[in-house]
Protein backbone atom coordinates (compact mmCIF):
# COMPACT_ATOMS: atom_id res chain seq x y z
CA UNK A 1 1.51 -1.84 8.36
CA UNK A 2 3.07 -0.54 5.14
CA UNK A 3 1.94 -2.01 1.83
CA UNK A 4 4.05 -1.10 -1.18
CA UNK A 5 2.07 -1.19 -4.39
CA UNK A 6 -0.86 -0.59 -2.07
CA UNK A 7 -3.13 0.98 -4.67
CA UNK A 8 -2.63 -1.81 -7.21
CA UNK A 9 -4.64 -4.99 -7.58
CA UNK A 10 -2.69 -7.16 -5.13
CA UNK A 11 -2.12 -4.35 -2.67
CA UNK A 12 -5.78 -3.39 -2.53
CA UNK A 13 -6.87 -7.03 -2.08
CA UNK A 14 -4.39 -7.42 0.76
CA UNK A 15 -5.44 -4.13 2.36
CA UNK A 16 -9.10 -5.21 2.29
CA UNK A 17 -8.16 -8.54 3.87
CA UNK A 18 -6.13 -6.86 6.61
CA UNK A 19 -8.90 -4.36 7.36
CA UNK A 20 -11.40 -7.24 7.49
CA UNK A 21 -9.10 -8.95 10.02
CA UNK A 22 -9.09 -5.88 12.26
CA UNK A 23 -5.83 -4.20 11.33
CA UNK A 24 -6.60 -0.56 11.95
CA UNK A 25 -3.49 1.31 10.77
CA UNK A 26 -2.65 0.81 7.11
CA UNK A 27 -0.20 2.85 5.07
CA UNK A 28 -0.51 2.24 1.34
CA UNK A 29 2.16 3.53 -0.98
CA UNK A 30 2.56 3.55 -4.73
CA UNK A 31 4.36 5.73 -7.21
CA UNK A 32 1.21 7.75 -7.86
CA UNK A 33 -0.36 7.67 -4.38
CA UNK A 34 -3.81 9.22 -4.35
CA UNK A 35 -3.43 10.06 -8.05
CA UNK A 36 -3.60 6.34 -8.88
CA UNK A 37 -6.86 5.20 -10.41
CA UNK A 38 -9.29 4.13 -7.69
CA UNK A 39 -7.02 5.14 -4.79
CA UNK A 40 -9.50 7.54 -3.21
CA UNK A 41 -12.29 4.96 -3.42
CA UNK A 42 -9.98 2.31 -1.94
CA UNK A 43 -9.14 4.59 0.98
CA UNK A 44 -12.85 5.21 1.59
CA UNK A 45 -13.67 1.48 1.47
CA UNK A 46 -10.94 0.70 3.98
CA UNK A 47 -12.02 3.57 6.21
CA UNK A 48 -15.57 2.20 6.11
CA UNK A 49 -14.14 -1.11 7.38
CA UNK A 50 -12.69 0.75 10.38
CA UNK A 51 -9.10 1.24 9.25
CA UNK A 52 -7.10 4.43 9.58
CA UNK A 53 -5.60 4.66 6.09
CA UNK A 54 -2.78 6.78 4.71
CA UNK A 55 -2.04 6.74 0.99
CA UNK A 56 1.30 8.15 -0.12
CA UNK A 57 3.16 8.59 -3.38
CA UNK A 58 6.63 7.09 -3.14
CA UNK A 59 9.01 5.26 -5.44
CA UNK A 60 10.43 2.83 -2.89
CA UNK A 61 13.43 2.19 -5.14
CA UNK A 62 14.48 5.79 -4.43
CA UNK A 63 16.28 5.78 -1.06
CA UNK A 64 15.57 9.46 -0.38
CA UNK A 65 11.85 9.09 -1.10
CA UNK A 66 11.66 5.98 1.05
CA UNK A 67 13.48 7.68 3.94
CA UNK A 68 11.09 10.64 3.72
CA UNK A 69 8.11 8.27 3.72
CA UNK A 70 9.36 6.42 6.79
CA UNK A 71 9.76 9.74 8.62
CA UNK A 72 5.99 10.26 8.27
CA UNK A 73 5.12 7.09 10.20
CA UNK A 74 3.63 8.23 13.51
CA UNK A 75 5.45 7.12 16.65
CA UNK A 76 2.11 6.20 18.18
CA UNK A 77 1.60 3.60 15.43
CA UNK A 78 5.02 2.26 14.40
CA UNK A 79 5.37 -0.10 11.47
CA UNK A 80 4.79 -3.71 12.42
CA UNK A 81 5.22 -5.08 8.90
CA UNK A 82 6.17 -4.07 5.39
CA UNK A 83 4.52 -6.06 2.63
CA UNK A 84 5.75 -5.63 -0.94
CA UNK A 85 2.98 -6.10 -3.51
CA UNK A 86 4.33 -3.74 -6.16
CA UNK A 87 5.37 -5.12 -9.49
CA UNK A 88 4.72 -5.11 -13.19
CA UNK A 89 4.77 -8.16 -15.40
CA UNK A 90 4.73 -7.84 -19.17
CA UNK A 91 3.50 -11.39 -19.74
CA UNK A 92 1.27 -12.20 -16.81
CA UNK A 93 0.88 -15.91 -17.48
CA UNK A 94 2.72 -17.94 -14.85
CA UNK A 95 3.88 -20.56 -17.32
CA UNK A 96 5.85 -17.97 -19.28
CA UNK A 97 7.79 -16.59 -16.33
CA UNK A 98 11.37 -17.70 -15.76
């Protein structure tokens, strides 16, 4: 399973939920990868839950970076889902979104 924005708030919550549900192969990606704040700790927490976790730096809006990322997915554990949790909102209150 590939989670874009995987080191952010939503991505990490989802990754924890999936690991709790027994999903054992998680690939988290974000623009900063393991350089993102808390990414190494997140990987350790998910590993402790029994997941095999890969964290990669990738701007998924860049076709070349995305293609290179997809080439790293092991054939033994192909992607079964891609979940997009990446995003930035300047005004995070729901009532102010259009």
